[in-house]
């Protein structure tokens, strides 16, 4: 980046009313920038009245002479940025929207501008795509960096300039991990059991062919709250209806996971996920364990969770949580988990 632009970007982002010469010099540590280049850039900004010498601090004896401290002219910098954005609008592809940059920090404009210029070059060279592709592929196509969209705030930039939807980008999520019951694939309604932990998943796997469920899904904690979006792509059953049952640990985090998962399922499939109550009640029939004293809970999630249980069960769950206890899924042995799954009439 040109030294003048680098200093300008720094001044636009700095919160202080004044900056020292030392602050400006530090911007170029480890960079091949000579004193002549640096001083010329600072003097240009002085001439543009974007920075003003603090008279009481004086100037250096080195030539060209610079002030030891400068007052940052924020309003002039803002006007300068707005003029720059306006000029860019005249040159960029008309589909690129820059309105959000007038109100955002000038530093964001300077940070985004090189990528906007690459996207502009792409749009002037190509048409908008007609086929959706995964985010890393589109990312490399636009800016020659496959991680830009997913890991370097490329999605946020594309949303700022109003092009996220037009580039037909398929988000890359962790795949949904599940086992399929082939005997249930022809059913009109497909039931899915989601379990939070690997041990419970492994325990129930042997019973899957014997139950009216299409899949057994390994939740993996919060991971399933995103990967559930992949179900329709990984299990493309046409005109299928879906019912979801969730079984997790009875602790504050497990309840929060269920609550978030429930919201996602409702948004994706138009119907909430049911608690797999027979499994939860098998947990509640045992003595709870201790060791979750430091978990932070979601009060709304807890109240929604409790609404599915009886008054006595409310008291037991509240007592458990108040004492820093929890009911892990593993508290129920494999043979009992399989018996419950096989012999429960699962209806929503």
Protein backbone atom coordinates (compact mmCIF):
# COMPACT_ATOMS: atom_id res chain seq x y z
CA UNK A 1 0.00 0.00 0.00
CA UNK A 2 1.19 3.52 -0.77
CA UNK A 3 2.59 5.19 2.45
CA UNK A 4 0.14 8.08 2.15
CA UNK A 5 -2.83 5.70 1.87
CA UNK A 6 -1.52 3.60 4.75
CA UNK A 7 -1.32 6.67 7.02
CA UNK A 8 -4.72 7.85 5.79
CA UNK A 9 -6.28 4.46 6.64
CA UNK A 10 -4.74 4.60 10.11
CA UNK A 11 -6.03 8.14 10.73
CA UNK A 12 -9.52 7.11 9.65
CA UNK A 13 -9.58 4.25 12.16
CA UNK A 14 -7.85 5.91 15.12
CA UNK A 15 -10.11 7.00 17.97
CA UNK A 16 -7.71 9.60 19.44
CA UNK A 17 -7.94 13.30 18.61
CA UNK A 18 -4.18 13.53 18.19
CA UNK A 19 -1.43 11.23 16.97
CA UNK A 20 2.29 11.43 17.60
CA UNK A 21 5.01 11.24 14.98
CA UNK A 22 6.11 8.05 16.74
CA UNK A 23 2.60 6.57 16.16
CA UNK A 24 2.94 7.23 12.43
CA UNK A 25 6.49 5.89 12.23
CA UNK A 26 5.45 2.64 13.87
CA UNK A 27 3.10 1.94 10.96
CA UNK A 28 6.14 1.21 8.79
CA UNK A 29 8.22 -0.95 11.09
CA UNK A 30 9.64 -3.82 9.06
CA UNK A 31 8.52 -2.24 5.77
CA UNK A 32 10.79 -0.97 2.95
CA UNK A 33 9.80 2.69 3.40
CA UNK A 34 12.52 5.39 3.37
CA UNK A 35 12.39 8.53 5.49
CA UNK A 36 11.96 10.60 2.33
CA UNK A 37 8.89 8.57 1.29
CA UNK A 38 7.45 8.68 4.81
CA UNK A 39 8.02 12.41 5.34
CA UNK A 40 6.63 13.27 1.91
CA UNK A 41 3.44 11.36 2.70
CA UNK A 42 3.02 13.13 6.06
CA UNK A 43 3.62 16.54 4.48
CA UNK A 44 1.02 15.78 1.78
CA UNK A 45 -1.55 15.07 4.50
CA UNK A 46 -0.56 18.33 6.22
CA UNK A 47 -1.03 20.21 2.95
CA UNK A 48 -4.48 18.66 2.52
CA UNK A 49 -5.25 19.81 6.10
CA UNK A 50 -6.18 16.28 7.14
CA UNK A 51 -3.67 16.59 9.99
CA UNK A 52 -2.61 19.77 11.77
CA UNK A 53 0.56 20.37 13.77
CA UNK A 54 0.15 20.74 17.54
CA UNK A 55 2.12 23.97 17.93
CA UNK A 56 3.16 23.42 21.55
CA UNK A 57 5.01 20.20 20.65
CA UNK A 58 7.25 21.72 17.94
CA UNK A 59 8.91 20.09 14.94
CA UNK A 60 11.93 17.86 14.37
CA UNK A 61 15.29 19.23 13.27
CA UNK A 62 15.59 16.60 10.56
CA UNK A 63 14.86 17.62 6.98
CA UNK A 64 12.20 17.53 5.77
CA UNK A 65 10.95 18.62 9.20
CA UNK A 66 7.84 16.97 10.67
CA UNK A 67 5.73 17.84 13.70
CA UNK A 68 6.15 15.80 16.85
CA UNK A 69 2.38 15.64 17.25
CA UNK A 70 -0.60 16.13 14.94
CA UNK A 71 -4.26 16.89 15.51
CA UNK A 72 -6.48 14.63 13.37
CA UNK A 73 -9.12 16.52 11.37
CA UNK A 74 -11.89 13.92 11.54
CA UNK A 75 -14.47 15.91 9.60
CA UNK A 76 -12.08 16.54 6.72
CA UNK A 77 -11.12 12.86 6.67
CA UNK A 78 -14.80 11.92 6.53
CA UNK A 79 -15.39 14.33 3.64
CA UNK A 80 -12.34 12.93 1.92
CA UNK A 81 -13.66 9.38 2.26
CA UNK A 82 -17.13 10.33 1.02
CA UNK A 83 -15.58 11.99 -2.03
CA UNK A 84 -13.53 8.86 -2.65
CA UNK A 85 -16.63 6.61 -2.39
CA UNK A 86 -18.57 8.88 -4.73
CA UNK A 87 -15.80 8.75 -7.34
CA UNK A 88 -15.63 4.96 -7.01
CA UNK A 89 -19.38 4.67 -7.64
CA UNK A 90 -18.93 6.34 -11.01
CA UNK A 91 -16.31 3.80 -12.06
CA UNK A 92 -17.51 0.51 -10.55
CA UNK A 93 -20.03 -1.95 -12.01
CA UNK A 94 -23.56 -0.56 -11.39
CA UNK A 95 -24.60 -3.69 -9.41
CA UNK A 96 -22.06 -2.88 -6.66
CA UNK A 97 -23.80 -0.90 -3.91
CA UNK A 98 -21.64 1.41 -1.81
CA UNK A 99 -24.30 3.21 0.29
CA UNK A 100 -23.36 1.40 3.52
CA UNK A 101 -19.81 2.81 3.38
CA UNK A 102 -21.01 6.40 3.87
CA UNK A 103 -22.07 5.55 7.43
CA UNK A 104 -19.51 2.87 8.30
CA UNK A 105 -16.03 3.63 9.51
CA UNK A 106 -13.66 4.85 6.82
CA UNK A 107 -11.28 2.07 7.77
CA UNK A 108 -13.82 -0.48 6.52
CA UNK A 109 -13.95 1.25 3.13
CA UNK A 110 -10.16 1.16 2.80
CA UNK A 111 -10.07 -2.46 3.98
CA UNK A 112 -12.78 -3.56 1.53
CA UNK A 113 -11.76 -1.51 -1.48
CA UNK A 114 -9.13 -3.90 -2.96
CA UNK A 115 -11.66 -6.77 -2.88
CA UNK A 116 -14.41 -4.57 -4.34
CA UNK A 117 -12.07 -3.74 -7.21
CA UNK A 118 -11.49 -7.45 -7.87
CA UNK A 119 -15.24 -8.12 -7.84
CA UNK A 120 -15.73 -5.17 -10.18
CA UNK A 121 -13.16 -6.65 -12.58
CA UNK A 122 -14.96 -10.02 -12.42
CA UNK A 123 -18.36 -8.45 -13.17
CA UNK A 124 -16.97 -6.49 -16.10
CA UNK A 125 -15.44 -9.70 -17.44
CA UNK A 126 -18.22 -12.21 -16.63
CA UNK A 127 -21.98 -12.35 -16.16
CA UNK A 128 -23.52 -13.20 -12.79
CA UNK A 129 -23.37 -17.00 -12.36
CA UNK A 130 -26.41 -19.17 -13.09
CA UNK A 131 -25.26 -22.28 -11.19
CA UNK A 132 -24.76 -22.38 -7.39
CA UNK A 133 -21.32 -23.56 -6.24
CA UNK A 134 -19.70 -24.07 -2.81
CA UNK A 135 -18.30 -20.99 -1.07
CA UNK A 136 -14.56 -21.86 -1.48
CA UNK A 137 -14.96 -22.31 -5.25
CA UNK A 138 -16.78 -18.99 -5.68
CA UNK A 139 -14.32 -17.32 -3.34
CA UNK A 140 -11.33 -18.36 -5.45
CA UNK A 141 -13.18 -17.35 -8.61
CA UNK A 142 -13.80 -13.82 -7.28
CA UNK A 143 -10.62 -12.92 -5.38
CA UNK A 144 -8.17 -15.83 -5.94
CA UNK A 145 -8.45 -16.90 -2.28
CA UNK A 146 -10.58 -19.95 -1.48
CA UNK A 147 -10.86 -18.99 2.22
CA UNK A 148 -11.92 -15.37 1.69
CA UNK A 149 -15.70 -15.92 1.93
CA UNK A 150 -15.72 -18.45 4.78
CA UNK A 151 -12.81 -17.29 6.96
CA UNK A 152 -11.87 -13.73 6.02
CA UNK A 153 -15.18 -11.82 6.16
CA UNK A 154 -15.83 -12.10 2.44
CA UNK A 155 -19.48 -12.95 3.09
CA UNK A 156 -19.90 -9.77 5.13
CA UNK A 157 -18.39 -7.68 2.32
CA UNK A 158 -20.63 -9.26 -0.32
CA UNK A 159 -23.64 -8.51 1.86
CA UNK A 160 -22.49 -4.90 2.33
CA UNK A 161 -22.33 -4.36 -1.44
CA UNK A 162 -25.62 -6.18 -2.06
CA UNK A 163 -24.24 -9.10 -4.06
CA UNK A 164 -24.36 -12.08 -1.66
CA UNK A 165 -27.56 -13.51 -3.15
CA UNK A 166 -26.54 -12.79 -6.76
CA UNK A 167 -23.40 -14.92 -6.62
CA UNK A 168 -25.35 -18.15 -5.79
CA UNK A 169 -23.02 -19.32 -3.04
CA UNK A 170 -23.59 -22.65 -1.27
CA UNK A 171 -22.42 -22.35 2.37
CA UNK A 172 -19.96 -25.09 3.31
CA UNK A 173 -21.03 -26.66 6.59
CA UNK A 174 -19.83 -29.74 8.42
CA UNK A 175 -21.67 -32.73 6.96
CA UNK A 176 -24.55 -34.12 8.98
CA UNK A 177 -23.45 -37.42 10.50
CA UNK A 178 -26.14 -40.09 10.50
CA UNK A 179 -26.95 -43.74 9.91
CA UNK A 180 -29.85 -44.74 7.64
CA UNK A 181 -32.48 -47.39 8.21
CA UNK A 182 -33.17 -48.74 4.68
CA UNK A 183 -36.48 -50.29 5.79
CA UNK A 184 -37.95 -46.81 6.43
CA UNK A 185 -36.95 -45.07 3.21
CA UNK A 186 -40.32 -45.66 1.54
CA UNK A 187 -42.39 -44.17 4.37
CA UNK A 188 -44.38 -40.98 3.81
CA UNK A 189 -43.21 -39.50 7.13
CA UNK A 190 -39.54 -39.83 8.07
CA UNK A 191 -38.64 -39.86 11.75
CA UNK A 192 -35.16 -38.82 12.87
CA UNK A 193 -33.60 -39.31 16.30
CA UNK A 194 -30.80 -36.90 17.18
CA UNK A 195 -28.55 -37.85 20.10
CA UNK A 196 -25.97 -35.48 21.55
CA UNK A 197 -23.10 -37.86 22.35
CA UNK A 198 -21.09 -40.54 20.52
CA UNK A 199 -21.59 -43.20 23.20
CA UNK A 200 -25.37 -42.98 22.93
CA UNK A 201 -25.20 -42.93 19.13
CA UNK A 202 -23.10 -46.09 19.14
CA UNK A 203 -25.39 -47.77 21.67
CA UNK A 204 -28.56 -47.10 19.67
CA UNK A 205 -27.07 -47.97 16.28
CA UNK A 206 -27.80 -51.69 16.75
CA UNK A 207 -31.52 -51.00 17.24
CA UNK A 208 -31.96 -48.78 14.17
CA UNK A 209 -33.21 -51.57 11.83
CA UNK A 210 -35.92 -52.47 14.37
CA UNK A 211 -37.52 -49.03 14.81
CA UNK A 212 -39.77 -46.84 12.62
CA UNK A 213 -37.05 -44.22 12.21
CA UNK A 214 -35.31 -43.33 8.95
CA UNK A 215 -32.12 -42.02 10.57
CA UNK A 216 -30.12 -41.96 13.77
CA UNK A 217 -28.21 -38.66 13.82
CA UNK A 218 -25.09 -37.88 15.84
CA UNK A 219 -25.50 -34.32 17.09
CA UNK A 220 -22.00 -33.61 18.37
CA UNK A 221 -23.10 -30.78 20.65
CA UNK A 222 -23.75 -27.45 18.94
CA UNK A 223 -22.49 -28.80 15.59
CA UNK A 224 -25.90 -30.21 14.70
CA UNK A 225 -27.55 -26.79 14.99
CA UNK A 226 -25.85 -25.92 11.68
CA UNK A 227 -25.30 -29.31 10.02
CA UNK A 228 -29.03 -30.14 10.17
CA UNK A 229 -29.33 -27.77 7.21
CA UNK A 230 -27.58 -30.44 5.13
CA UNK A 231 -30.22 -33.15 5.71
CA UNK A 232 -32.25 -32.41 2.57
CA UNK A 233 -29.12 -32.51 0.40
CA UNK A 234 -27.64 -35.63 2.01
CA UNK A 235 -30.97 -37.49 2.12
CA UNK A 236 -32.89 -36.19 -0.92
CA UNK A 237 -36.29 -37.77 -0.34
CA UNK A 238 -38.84 -36.12 -2.61
CA UNK A 239 -42.05 -34.79 -1.09
CA UNK A 240 -41.10 -36.24 2.28
CA UNK A 241 -42.39 -35.06 5.64
CA UNK A 242 -39.98 -35.09 8.57
CA UNK A 243 -40.35 -35.51 12.33
CA UNK A 244 -37.42 -34.87 14.67
CA UNK A 245 -36.82 -36.25 18.16
CA UNK A 246 -33.95 -34.95 20.27
CA UNK A 247 -32.14 -36.60 23.19
CA UNK A 248 -29.28 -34.82 24.97
CA UNK A 249 -27.72 -34.41 28.38
CA UNK A 250 -29.85 -32.87 31.10
CA UNK A 251 -27.57 -29.98 31.99
CA UNK A 252 -27.64 -26.28 31.16
CA UNK A 253 -25.55 -26.62 28.01
CA UNK A 254 -27.45 -29.67 26.75
CA UNK A 255 -30.72 -27.81 27.22
CA UNK A 256 -29.36 -24.77 25.34
CA UNK A 257 -28.24 -27.00 22.45
CA UNK A 258 -31.72 -28.55 22.21
CA UNK A 259 -33.31 -25.08 22.27
CA UNK A 260 -31.16 -23.73 19.44
CA UNK A 261 -31.60 -26.93 17.43
CA UNK A 262 -35.36 -26.69 17.91
CA UNK A 263 -35.36 -23.14 16.51
CA UNK A 264 -33.37 -24.25 13.46
CA UNK A 265 -35.63 -27.21 12.73
CA UNK A 266 -38.72 -25.01 13.04
CA UNK A 267 -37.25 -22.52 10.58
CA UNK A 268 -36.12 -25.20 8.10
CA UNK A 269 -39.00 -27.68 8.24
CA UNK A 270 -41.90 -25.68 9.68
CA UNK A 271 -42.32 -27.97 12.68
CA UNK A 272 -40.43 -28.06 16.01
CA UNK A 273 -38.32 -30.97 17.20
CA UNK A 274 -39.84 -33.13 19.93
CA UNK A 275 -37.99 -34.10 23.06
CA UNK A 276 -37.47 -37.88 23.10
CA UNK A 277 -39.15 -37.98 26.52
CA UNK A 278 -38.88 -41.74 27.21
CA UNK A 279 -35.07 -41.43 27.11
CA UNK A 280 -35.06 -38.32 29.29
CA UNK A 281 -37.33 -40.00 31.83
CA UNK A 282 -35.01 -42.99 31.96
CA UNK A 283 -32.25 -40.55 32.94
CA UNK A 284 -34.43 -38.90 35.59
CA UNK A 285 -35.11 -42.30 37.20
CA UNK A 286 -31.45 -42.42 38.29
CA UNK A 287 -29.30 -40.39 40.69
CA UNK A 288 -27.82 -37.34 39.05
CA UNK A 289 -24.07 -36.76 38.91
CA UNK A 290 -22.13 -33.66 40.00
CA UNK A 291 -19.59 -31.60 38.12
CA UNK A 292 -21.40 -28.92 36.10
CA UNK A 293 -21.33 -26.12 38.66
CA UNK A 294 -19.78 -23.58 36.28
CA UNK A 295 -22.13 -23.96 33.32
CA UNK A 296 -24.04 -20.86 32.29
CA UNK A 297 -27.61 -21.39 31.23
CA UNK A 298 -30.24 -19.88 28.98
CA UNK A 299 -33.30 -19.19 31.13
CA UNK A 300 -35.72 -19.17 28.20
CA UNK A 301 -34.31 -22.48 26.97
CA UNK A 302 -34.74 -23.98 30.45
CA UNK A 303 -38.35 -22.84 30.75
CA UNK A 304 -39.20 -24.20 27.29
CA UNK A 305 -37.50 -27.48 28.17
CA UNK A 306 -39.33 -27.82 31.49
CA UNK A 307 -42.70 -27.22 29.83
CA UNK A 308 -42.52 -30.77 28.41
CA UNK A 309 -42.27 -32.42 31.84
CA UNK A 310 -44.54 -33.00 34.83
CA UNK A 311 -44.46 -30.83 37.95
CA UNK A 312 -42.49 -33.47 39.86
CA UNK A 313 -39.99 -33.74 37.04
CA UNK A 314 -39.67 -29.92 37.06
CA UNK A 315 -38.65 -30.02 40.70
CA UNK A 316 -36.10 -32.76 40.15
CA UNK A 317 -34.48 -31.05 37.17
CA UNK A 318 -34.37 -27.68 38.96
CA UNK A 319 -32.87 -29.29 42.07
CA UNK A 320 -30.25 -31.05 39.97
CA UNK A 321 -29.20 -27.86 38.16
CA UNK A 322 -29.26 -25.75 41.34
CA UNK A 323 -26.79 -28.15 42.96
CA UNK A 324 -24.45 -28.16 39.96
CA UNK A 325 -25.60 -31.62 38.91
CA UNK A 326 -26.49 -33.19 35.60
CA UNK A 327 -27.91 -36.33 34.00
CA UNK A 328 -25.58 -37.52 31.23
CA UNK A 329 -27.00 -39.64 28.43
CA UNK A 330 -24.52 -42.35 29.39
CA UNK A 331 -26.32 -42.82 32.70
CA UNK A 332 -28.74 -45.16 30.87
CA UNK A 333 -27.13 -48.48 29.82
CA UNK A 334 -27.14 -49.66 26.21
CA UNK A 335 -29.64 -52.48 26.66
CA UNK A 336 -32.17 -50.11 28.23
CA UNK A 337 -31.71 -47.43 25.56
CA UNK A 338 -32.36 -50.03 22.84
CA UNK A 339 -35.38 -51.45 24.69
CA UNK A 340 -36.90 -47.97 25.03
CA UNK A 341 -36.35 -47.16 21.36
CA UNK A 342 -37.78 -50.45 20.17
CA UNK A 343 -40.84 -50.53 22.40
CA UNK A 344 -42.04 -46.92 22.48
CA UNK A 345 -44.93 -45.81 20.28
CA UNK A 346 -43.27 -42.71 18.80
CA UNK A 347 -45.88 -40.13 17.85
CA UNK A 348 -45.78 -36.34 17.69
